[in-house]
Amino acid sequence: MSSITIRNLGDTVKHNLRVRAALHGRSMEDEARTILRNAVEQDAPSGAALVQRIRARFAALGDVDLLQPPRKAMREPPELPTGHAPDSA
């Protein structure tokens, strides 16, 4: 587990954290951990949420139909010399 130190925390913030921790029956440290964990988990977009945000950003531009280039048949693989085992390195 990692740890951090938070410096220059205002007296009011520290007091409110202490009160909030007491209301939840936790230590100040545990309350701060819970607040940080919840904030980070809420902000982490899922794959579906990311797709929705991208679509929303470009929705005003409208749909775009892209032409697919014609496909050609795959070429045949090159002939390899026979009688030689591949080098194992």
PDB file of N, CA and C in Angstrom:
ATOM      1  N   MET A   1       0.832  -1.177   0.000  1.00  0.00           N
ATOM      2  CA  MET A   1       0.000   0.000   0.000  1.00  0.00           C
ATOM      3  C   MET A   1       0.878   1.242   0.000  1.00  0.00           C
ATOM      4  N   SER A   2       0.392   2.253  -0.680  1.00  0.00           N
ATOM      5  CA  SER A   2       1.100   3.524  -0.742  1.00  0.00           C
ATOM      6  C   SER A   2       0.539   4.483   0.295  1.00  0.00           C
ATOM      7  N   SER A   3       1.309   5.513   0.561  1.00  0.00           N
ATOM      8  CA  SER A   3       0.832   6.551   1.475  1.00  0.00           C
ATOM      9  C   SER A   3       1.177   7.908   0.899  1.00  0.00           C
ATOM     10  N   ILE A   4       0.389   8.923   1.294  1.00  0.00           N
ATOM     11  CA  ILE A   4       0.661  10.297   0.869  1.00  0.00           C
ATOM     12  C   ILE A   4       0.566  11.202   2.094  1.00  0.00           C
ATOM     13  N   THR A   5       1.180  12.355   1.980  1.00  0.00           N
ATOM     14  CA  THR A   5       1.081  13.379   2.996  1.00  0.00           C
ATOM     15  C   THR A   5       0.446  14.593   2.351  1.00  0.00           C
ATOM     16  N   ILE A   6      -0.563  15.139   3.008  1.00  0.00           N
ATOM     17  CA  ILE A   6      -1.231  16.331   2.471  1.00  0.00           C
ATOM     18  C   ILE A   6      -0.831  17.511   3.344  1.00  0.00           C
ATOM     19  N   ARG A   7      -0.121  18.454   2.742  1.00  0.00           N
ATOM     20  CA  ARG A   7       0.337  19.637   3.461  1.00  0.00           C
ATOM     21  C   ARG A   7      -0.585  20.812   3.162  1.00  0.00           C
ATOM     22  N   ASN A   8      -0.493  21.820   3.997  1.00  0.00           N
ATOM     23  CA  ASN A   8      -1.219  23.078   3.820  1.00  0.00           C
ATOM     24  C   ASN A   8      -2.730  22.870   3.739  1.00  0.00           C
ATOM     25  N   LEU A   9      -3.234  21.957   4.548  1.00  0.00           N
ATOM     26  CA  LEU A   9      -4.670  21.719   4.635  1.00  0.00           C
ATOM     27  C   LEU A   9      -5.230  22.749   5.600  1.00  0.00           C
ATOM     28  N   GLY A  10      -6.228  23.487   5.141  1.00  0.00           N
ATOM     29  CA  GLY A  10      -6.798  24.544   5.980  1.00  0.00           C
ATOM     30  C   GLY A  10      -7.438  23.996   7.244  1.00  0.00           C
ATOM     31  N   ASP A  11      -7.469  24.851   8.287  1.00  0.00           N
ATOM     32  CA  ASP A  11      -8.043  24.435   9.566  1.00  0.00           C
ATOM     33  C   ASP A  11      -9.511  24.053   9.428  1.00  0.00           C
ATOM     34  N   THR A  12     -10.254  24.787   8.606  1.00  0.00           N
ATOM     35  CA  THR A  12     -11.672  24.495   8.418  1.00  0.00           C
ATOM     36  C   THR A  12     -11.867  23.139   7.761  1.00  0.00           C
ATOM     37  N   VAL A  13     -11.035  22.840   6.761  1.00  0.00           N
ATOM     38  CA  VAL A  13     -11.134  21.550   6.071  1.00  0.00           C
ATOM     39  C   VAL A  13     -10.823  20.423   7.047  1.00  0.00           C
ATOM     40  N   LYS A  14      -9.789  20.602   7.841  1.00  0.00           N
ATOM     41  CA  LYS A  14      -9.416  19.572   8.810  1.00  0.00           C
ATOM     42  C   LYS A  14     -10.524  19.380   9.837  1.00  0.00           C
ATOM     43  N   HIS A  15     -11.106  20.467  10.318  1.00  0.00           N
ATOM     44  CA  HIS A  15     -12.199  20.386  11.291  1.00  0.00           C
ATOM     45  C   HIS A  15     -13.404  19.657  10.673  1.00  0.00           C
ATOM     46  N   ASN A  16     -13.767  20.036   9.440  1.00  0.00           N
ATOM     47  CA  ASN A  16     -14.911  19.398   8.779  1.00  0.00           C
ATOM     48  C   ASN A  16     -14.655  17.917   8.519  1.00  0.00           C
ATOM     49  N   LEU A  17     -13.417  17.559   8.210  1.00  0.00           N
ATOM     50  CA  LEU A  17     -13.058  16.160   8.018  1.00  0.00           C
ATOM     51  C   LEU A  17     -13.200  15.399   9.330  1.00  0.00           C
ATOM     52  N   ARG A  18     -12.760  16.013  10.426  1.00  0.00           N
ATOM     53  CA  ARG A  18     -12.873  15.377  11.737  1.00  0.00           C
ATOM     54  C   ARG A  18     -14.346  15.149  12.103  1.00  0.00           C
ATOM     55  N   VAL A  19     -15.198  16.140  11.829  1.00  0.00           N
ATOM     56  CA  VAL A  19     -16.630  16.019  12.130  1.00  0.00           C
ATOM     57  C   VAL A  19     -17.263  14.933  11.259  1.00  0.00           C
ATOM     58  N   ARG A  20     -16.926  14.971   9.972  1.00  0.00           N
ATOM     59  CA  ARG A  20     -17.480  13.978   9.047  1.00  0.00           C
ATOM     60  C   ARG A  20     -17.053  12.565   9.436  1.00  0.00           C
ATOM     61  N   ALA A  21     -15.799  12.408   9.816  1.00  0.00           N
ATOM     62  CA  ALA A  21     -15.300  11.100  10.241  1.00  0.00           C
ATOM     63  C   ALA A  21     -16.059  10.622  11.480  1.00  0.00           C
ATOM     64  N   ALA A  22     -16.290  11.519  12.422  1.00  0.00           N
ATOM     65  CA  ALA A  22     -17.020  11.148  13.643  1.00  0.00           C
ATOM     66  C   ALA A  22     -18.452  10.741  13.313  1.00  0.00           C
ATOM     67  N   LEU A  23     -19.088  11.446  12.391  1.00  0.00           N
ATOM     68  CA  LEU A  23     -20.457  11.100  11.988  1.00  0.00           C
ATOM     69  C   LEU A  23     -20.529   9.709  11.368  1.00  0.00           C
ATOM     70  N   HIS A  24     -19.457   9.312  10.670  1.00  0.00           N
ATOM     71  CA  HIS A  24     -19.424   8.005  10.016  1.00  0.00           C
ATOM     72  C   HIS A  24     -18.754   6.933  10.884  1.00  0.00           C
ATOM     73  N   GLY A  25     -18.329   7.312  12.083  1.00  0.00           N
ATOM     74  CA  GLY A  25     -17.704   6.344  12.985  1.00  0.00           C
ATOM     75  C   GLY A  25     -16.346   5.867  12.499  1.00  0.00           C
ATOM     76  N   ARG A  26     -15.602   6.766  11.842  1.00  0.00           N
ATOM     77  CA  ARG A  26     -14.281   6.408  11.312  1.00  0.00           C
ATOM     78  C   ARG A  26     -13.231   7.377  11.828  1.00  0.00           C
ATOM     79  N   SER A  27     -11.982   6.981  11.641  1.00  0.00           N
ATOM     80  CA  SER A  27     -10.886   7.897  11.946  1.00  0.00           C
ATOM     81  C   SER A  27     -10.800   8.922  10.813  1.00  0.00           C
ATOM     82  N   MET A  28     -10.100  10.008  11.068  1.00  0.00           N
ATOM     83  CA  MET A  28      -9.924  11.021  10.015  1.00  0.00           C
ATOM     84  C   MET A  28      -9.203  10.418   8.819  1.00  0.00           C
ATOM     85  N   GLU A  29      -8.218   9.594   9.090  1.00  0.00           N
ATOM     86  CA  GLU A  29      -7.452   8.969   8.013  1.00  0.00           C
ATOM     87  C   GLU A  29      -8.339   8.057   7.164  1.00  0.00           C
ATOM     88  N   ASP A  30      -9.170   7.256   7.824  1.00  0.00           N
ATOM     89  CA  ASP A  30     -10.057   6.357   7.089  1.00  0.00           C
ATOM     90  C   ASP A  30     -11.103   7.160   6.308  1.00  0.00           C
ATOM     91  N   GLU A  31     -11.585   8.227   6.891  1.00  0.00           N
ATOM     92  CA  GLU A  31     -12.564   9.072   6.189  1.00  0.00           C
ATOM     93  C   GLU A  31     -11.938   9.700   4.944  1.00  0.00           C
ATOM     94  N   ALA A  32     -10.714  10.204   5.065  1.00  0.00           N
ATOM     95  CA  ALA A  32     -10.019  10.790   3.918  1.00  0.00           C
ATOM     96  C   ALA A  32      -9.790   9.739   2.837  1.00  0.00           C
ATOM     97  N   ARG A  33      -9.425   8.530   3.259  1.00  0.00           N
ATOM     98  CA  ARG A  33      -9.223   7.422   2.312  1.00  0.00           C
ATOM     99  C   ARG A  33     -10.519   7.109   1.563  1.00  0.00           C
ATOM    100  N   THR A  34     -11.622   7.068   2.295  1.00  0.00           N
ATOM    101  CA  THR A  34     -12.919   6.772   1.688  1.00  0.00           C
ATOM    102  C   THR A  34     -13.326   7.868   0.705  1.00  0.00           C
ATOM    103  N   ILE A  35     -13.130   9.110   1.086  1.00  0.00           N
ATOM    104  CA  ILE A  35     -13.474  10.233   0.202  1.00  0.00           C
ATOM    105  C   ILE A  35     -12.652  10.163  -1.078  1.00  0.00           C
ATOM    106  N   LEU A  36     -11.353   9.947  -0.951  1.00  0.00           N
ATOM    107  CA  LEU A  36     -10.489   9.870  -2.135  1.00  0.00           C
ATOM    108  C   LEU A  36     -10.857   8.692  -3.022  1.00  0.00           C
ATOM    109  N   ARG A  37     -11.079   7.526  -2.407  1.00  0.00           N
ATOM    110  CA  ARG A  37     -11.435   6.330  -3.179  1.00  0.00           C
ATOM    111  C   ARG A  37     -12.728   6.561  -3.964  1.00  0.00           C
ATOM    112  N   ASN A  38     -13.756   7.109  -3.317  1.00  0.00           N
ATOM    113  CA  ASN A  38     -15.026   7.362  -3.984  1.00  0.00           C
ATOM    114  C   ASN A  38     -14.881   8.379  -5.106  1.00  0.00           C
ATOM    115  N   ALA A  39     -14.091   9.416  -4.885  1.00  0.00           N
ATOM    116  CA  ALA A  39     -13.904  10.444  -5.910  1.00  0.00           C
ATOM    117  C   ALA A  39     -13.200   9.885  -7.134  1.00  0.00           C
ATOM    118  N   VAL A  40     -12.194   9.066  -6.923  1.00  0.00           N
ATOM    119  CA  VAL A  40     -11.431   8.513  -8.039  1.00  0.00           C
ATOM    120  C   VAL A  40     -12.255   7.479  -8.797  1.00  0.00           C
ATOM    121  N   GLU A  41     -13.018   6.650  -8.094  1.00  0.00           N
ATOM    122  CA  GLU A  41     -13.834   5.637  -8.756  1.00  0.00           C
ATOM    123  C   GLU A  41     -14.944   6.264  -9.582  1.00  0.00           C
ATOM    124  N   GLN A  42     -15.507   7.376  -9.126  1.00  0.00           N
ATOM    125  CA  GLN A  42     -16.568   8.054  -9.873  1.00  0.00           C
ATOM    126  C   GLN A  42     -16.033   8.700 -11.133  1.00  0.00           C
ATOM    127  N   ASP A  43     -14.812   9.198 -11.083  1.00  0.00           N
ATOM    128  CA  ASP A  43     -14.234   9.892 -12.228  1.00  0.00           C
ATOM    129  C   ASP A  43     -13.661   8.959 -13.278  1.00  0.00           C
ATOM    130  N   ALA A  44     -13.413   7.715 -12.926  1.00  0.00           N
ATOM    131  CA  ALA A  44     -12.806   6.778 -13.873  1.00  0.00           C
ATOM    132  C   ALA A  44     -13.865   6.332 -14.882  1.00  0.00           C
ATOM    133  N   PRO A  45     -13.729   6.788 -16.146  1.00  0.00           N
ATOM    134  CA  PRO A  45     -14.745   6.417 -17.131  1.00  0.00           C
ATOM    135  C   PRO A  45     -14.591   4.974 -17.565  1.00  0.00           C
ATOM    136  N   SER A  46     -15.724   4.313 -17.723  1.00  0.00           N
ATOM    137  CA  SER A  46     -15.677   2.959 -18.260  1.00  0.00           C
ATOM    138  C   SER A  46     -15.519   3.066 -19.767  1.00  0.00           C
ATOM    139  N   GLY A  47     -15.259   1.960 -20.420  1.00  0.00           N
ATOM    140  CA  GLY A  47     -15.113   1.971 -21.872  1.00  0.00           C
ATOM    141  C   GLY A  47     -16.369   2.490 -22.548  1.00  0.00           C
ATOM    142  N   ALA A  48     -17.548   2.066 -22.055  1.00  0.00           N
ATOM    143  CA  ALA A  48     -18.811   2.503 -22.646  1.00  0.00           C
ATOM    144  C   ALA A  48     -19.005   4.004 -22.437  1.00  0.00           C
ATOM    145  N   ALA A  49     -18.665   4.506 -21.253  1.00  0.00           N
ATOM    146  CA  ALA A  49     -18.815   5.928 -20.978  1.00  0.00           C
ATOM    147  C   ALA A  49     -17.896   6.753 -21.875  1.00  0.00           C
ATOM    148  N   LEU A  50     -16.713   6.264 -22.129  1.00  0.00           N
ATOM    149  CA  LEU A  50     -15.776   6.970 -22.994  1.00  0.00           C
ATOM    150  C   LEU A  50     -16.324   7.065 -24.412  1.00  0.00           C
ATOM    151  N   VAL A  51     -16.875   5.968 -24.911  1.00  0.00           N
ATOM    152  CA  VAL A  51     -17.462   5.970 -26.253  1.00  0.00           C
ATOM    153  C   VAL A  51     -18.611   6.966 -26.311  1.00  0.00           C
ATOM    154  N   GLN A  52     -19.439   6.998 -25.296  1.00  0.00           N
ATOM    155  CA  GLN A  52     -20.562   7.939 -25.270  1.00  0.00           C
ATOM    156  C   GLN A  52     -20.075   9.377 -25.261  1.00  0.00           C
ATOM    157  N   ARG A  53     -19.016   9.662 -24.518  1.00  0.00           N
ATOM    158  CA  ARG A  53     -18.482  11.024 -24.480  1.00  0.00           C
ATOM    159  C   ARG A  53     -17.910  11.433 -25.833  1.00  0.00           C
ATOM    160  N   ILE A  54     -17.234  10.507 -26.505  1.00  0.00           N
ATOM    161  CA  ILE A  54     -16.682  10.807 -27.832  1.00  0.00           C
ATOM    162  C   ILE A  54     -17.805  11.062 -28.818  1.00  0.00           C
ATOM    163  N   ARG A  55     -18.837  10.213 -28.803  1.00  0.00           N
ATOM    164  CA  ARG A  55     -19.974  10.402 -29.709  1.00  0.00           C
ATOM    165  C   ARG A  55     -20.661  11.729 -29.457  1.00  0.00           C
ATOM    166  N   ALA A  56     -20.838  12.091 -28.197  1.00  0.00           N
ATOM    167  CA  ALA A  56     -21.486  13.357 -27.858  1.00  0.00           C
ATOM    168  C   ALA A  56     -20.671  14.538 -28.368  1.00  0.00           C
ATOM    169  N   ARG A  57     -19.361  14.431 -28.289  1.00  0.00           N
ATOM    170  CA  ARG A  57     -18.508  15.533 -28.723  1.00  0.00           C
ATOM    171  C   ARG A  57     -18.618  15.769 -30.223  1.00  0.00           C
ATOM    172  N   PHE A  58     -18.741  14.691 -30.998  1.00  0.00           N
ATOM    173  CA  PHE A  58     -18.766  14.824 -32.454  1.00  0.00           C
ATOM    174  C   PHE A  58     -20.173  14.752 -33.041  1.00  0.00           C
ATOM    175  N   ALA A  59     -21.205  14.667 -32.216  1.00  0.00           N
ATOM    176  CA  ALA A  59     -22.579  14.526 -32.702  1.00  0.00           C
ATOM    177  C   ALA A  59     -22.999  15.705 -33.565  1.00  0.00           C
ATOM    178  N   ALA A  60     -22.553  16.906 -33.235  1.00  0.00           N
ATOM    179  CA  ALA A  60     -22.954  18.095 -33.986  1.00  0.00           C
ATOM    180  C   ALA A  60     -22.442  18.070 -35.426  1.00  0.00           C
ATOM    181  N   LEU A  61     -21.406  17.310 -35.693  1.00  0.00           N
ATOM    182  CA  LEU A  61     -20.840  17.246 -37.039  1.00  0.00           C
ATOM    183  C   LEU A  61     -21.666  16.358 -37.963  1.00  0.00           C
ATOM    184  N   GLY A  62     -22.513  15.525 -37.412  1.00  0.00           N
ATOM    185  CA  GLY A  62     -23.331  14.624 -38.223  1.00  0.00           C
ATOM    186  C   GLY A  62     -22.574  13.359 -38.565  1.00  0.00           C
ATOM    187  N   ASP A  63     -23.321  12.458 -39.213  1.00  0.00           N
ATOM    188  CA  ASP A  63     -22.716  11.181 -39.609  1.00  0.00           C
ATOM    189  C   ASP A  63     -21.829  11.360 -40.823  1.00  0.00           C
ATOM    190  N   VAL A  64     -20.867  10.519 -40.928  1.00  0.00           N
ATOM    191  CA  VAL A  64     -19.956  10.527 -42.070  1.00  0.00           C
ATOM    192  C   VAL A  64     -19.927   9.123 -42.648  1.00  0.00           C
ATOM    193  N   ASP A  65     -20.193   9.016 -43.936  1.00  0.00           N
ATOM    194  CA  ASP A  65     -20.104   7.725 -44.609  1.00  0.00           C
ATOM    195  C   ASP A  65     -18.782   7.678 -45.351  1.00  0.00           C
ATOM    196  N   LEU A  66     -17.946   6.773 -44.958  1.00  0.00           N
ATOM    197  CA  LEU A  66     -16.648   6.628 -45.602  1.00  0.00           C
ATOM    198  C   LEU A  66     -16.722   5.492 -46.616  1.00  0.00           C
ATOM    199  N   LEU A  67     -16.156   5.731 -47.776  1.00  0.00           N
ATOM    200  CA  LEU A  67     -16.116   4.697 -48.802  1.00  0.00           C
ATOM    201  C   LEU A  67     -15.058   3.677 -48.441  1.00  0.00           C
ATOM    202  N   GLN A  68     -15.410   2.426 -48.580  1.00  0.00           N
ATOM    203  CA  GLN A  68     -14.457   1.364 -48.334  1.00  0.00           C
ATOM    204  C   GLN A  68     -13.712   1.069 -49.628  1.00  0.00           C
ATOM    205  N   PRO A  69     -12.398   1.059 -49.607  1.00  0.00           N
ATOM    206  CA  PRO A  69     -11.655   0.746 -50.836  1.00  0.00           C
ATOM    207  C   PRO A  69     -11.915  -0.706 -51.237  1.00  0.00           C
ATOM    208  N   PRO A  70     -11.903  -0.975 -52.529  1.00  0.00           N
ATOM    209  CA  PRO A  70     -12.125  -2.357 -52.953  1.00  0.00           C
ATOM    210  C   PRO A  70     -10.981  -3.250 -52.459  1.00  0.00           C
ATOM    211  N   ARG A  71     -11.333  -4.434 -52.103  1.00  0.00           N
ATOM    212  CA  ARG A  71     -10.328  -5.373 -51.597  1.00  0.00           C
ATOM    213  C   ARG A  71      -9.886  -6.295 -52.716  1.00  0.00           C
ATOM    214  N   LYS A  72      -8.633  -6.635 -52.664  1.00  0.00           N
ATOM    215  CA  LYS A  72      -8.060  -7.564 -53.637  1.00  0.00           C
ATOM    216  C   LYS A  72      -7.821  -8.893 -52.940  1.00  0.00           C
ATOM    217  N   ALA A  73      -7.725  -9.927 -53.729  1.00  0.00           N
ATOM    218  CA  ALA A  73      -7.427 -11.231 -53.155  1.00  0.00           C
ATOM    219  C   ALA A  73      -6.040 -11.202 -52.519  1.00  0.00           C
ATOM    220  N   MET A  74      -5.875 -11.979 -51.463  1.00  0.00           N
ATOM    221  CA  MET A  74      -4.571 -12.056 -50.814  1.00  0.00           C
ATOM    222  C   MET A  74      -3.560 -12.703 -51.741  1.00  0.00           C
ATOM    223  N   ARG A  75      -2.354 -12.201 -51.696  1.00  0.00           N
ATOM    224  CA  ARG A  75      -1.326 -12.809 -52.529  1.00  0.00           C
ATOM    225  C   ARG A  75      -0.898 -14.144 -51.936  1.00  0.00           C
ATOM    226  N   GLU A  76      -0.359 -14.972 -52.770  1.00  0.00           N
ATOM    227  CA  GLU A  76       0.127 -16.270 -52.320  1.00  0.00           C
ATOM    228  C   GLU A  76       1.413 -16.081 -51.530  1.00  0.00           C
ATOM    229  N   PRO A  77       1.624 -16.870 -50.495  1.00  0.00           N
ATOM    230  CA  PRO A  77       2.867 -16.739 -49.737  1.00  0.00           C
ATOM    231  C   PRO A  77       4.048 -17.207 -50.579  1.00  0.00           C
ATOM    232  N   PRO A  78       5.223 -16.661 -50.306  1.00  0.00           N
ATOM    233  CA  PRO A  78       6.391 -17.064 -51.085  1.00  0.00           C
ATOM    234  C   PRO A  78       6.750 -18.528 -50.820  1.00  0.00           C
ATOM    235  N   GLU A  79       7.352 -19.135 -51.804  1.00  0.00           N
ATOM    236  CA  GLU A  79       7.818 -20.516 -51.655  1.00  0.00           C
ATOM    237  C   GLU A  79       9.100 -20.521 -50.830  1.00  0.00           C
ATOM    238  N   LEU A  80       9.177 -21.398 -49.861  1.00  0.00           N
ATOM    239  CA  LEU A  80      10.377 -21.517 -49.041  1.00  0.00           C
ATOM    240  C   LEU A  80      11.168 -22.717 -49.495  1.00  0.00           C
ATOM    241  N   PRO A  81      12.487 -22.623 -49.413  1.00  0.00           N
ATOM    242  CA  PRO A  81      13.299 -23.775 -49.813  1.00  0.00           C
ATOM    243  C   PRO A  81      12.981 -24.975 -48.923  1.00  0.00           C
ATOM    244  N   THR A  82      12.967 -26.122 -49.501  1.00  0.00           N
ATOM    245  CA  THR A  82      12.659 -27.333 -48.741  1.00  0.00           C
ATOM    246  C   THR A  82      13.941 -27.990 -48.265  1.00  0.00           C
ATOM    247  N   GLY A  83      13.825 -28.860 -47.277  1.00  0.00           N
ATOM    248  CA  GLY A  83      14.961 -29.634 -46.814  1.00  0.00           C
ATOM    249  C   GLY A  83      15.757 -28.926 -45.731  1.00  0.00           C
ATOM    250  N   HIS A  84      15.394 -27.737 -45.351  1.00  0.00           N
ATOM    251  CA  HIS A  84      16.125 -27.043 -44.291  1.00  0.00           C
ATOM    252  C   HIS A  84      15.195 -26.854 -43.099  1.00  0.00           C
ATOM    253  N   ALA A  85      15.668 -27.255 -41.971  1.00  0.00           N
ATOM    254  CA  ALA A  85      14.891 -27.016 -40.739  1.00  0.00           C
ATOM    255  C   ALA A  85      15.122 -25.566 -40.314  1.00  0.00           C
ATOM    256  N   PRO A  86      14.127 -24.927 -39.789  1.00  0.00           N
ATOM    257  CA  PRO A  86      14.335 -23.544 -39.327  1.00  0.00           C
ATOM    258  C   PRO A  86      15.366 -23.515 -38.216  1.00  0.00           C
ATOM    259  N   ASP A  87      16.165 -22.458 -38.227  1.00  0.00           N
ATOM    260  CA  ASP A  87      17.158 -22.281 -37.171  1.00  0.00           C
ATOM    261  C   ASP A  87      16.467 -22.041 -35.855  1.00  0.00           C
ATOM    262  N   SER A  88      16.925 -22.711 -34.828  1.00  0.00           N
ATOM    263  CA  SER A  88      16.374 -22.437 -33.502  1.00  0.00           C
ATOM    264  C   SER A  88      17.413 -21.659 -32.729  1.00  0.00           C
ATOM    265  N   ALA A  89      17.048 -20.445 -32.395  1.00  0.00           N
ATOM    266  CA  ALA A  89      17.995 -19.588 -31.679  1.00  0.00           C
ATOM    267  C   ALA A  89      17.526 -19.282 -30.313  1.00  0.00           C
TER     268      ALA A  89
END
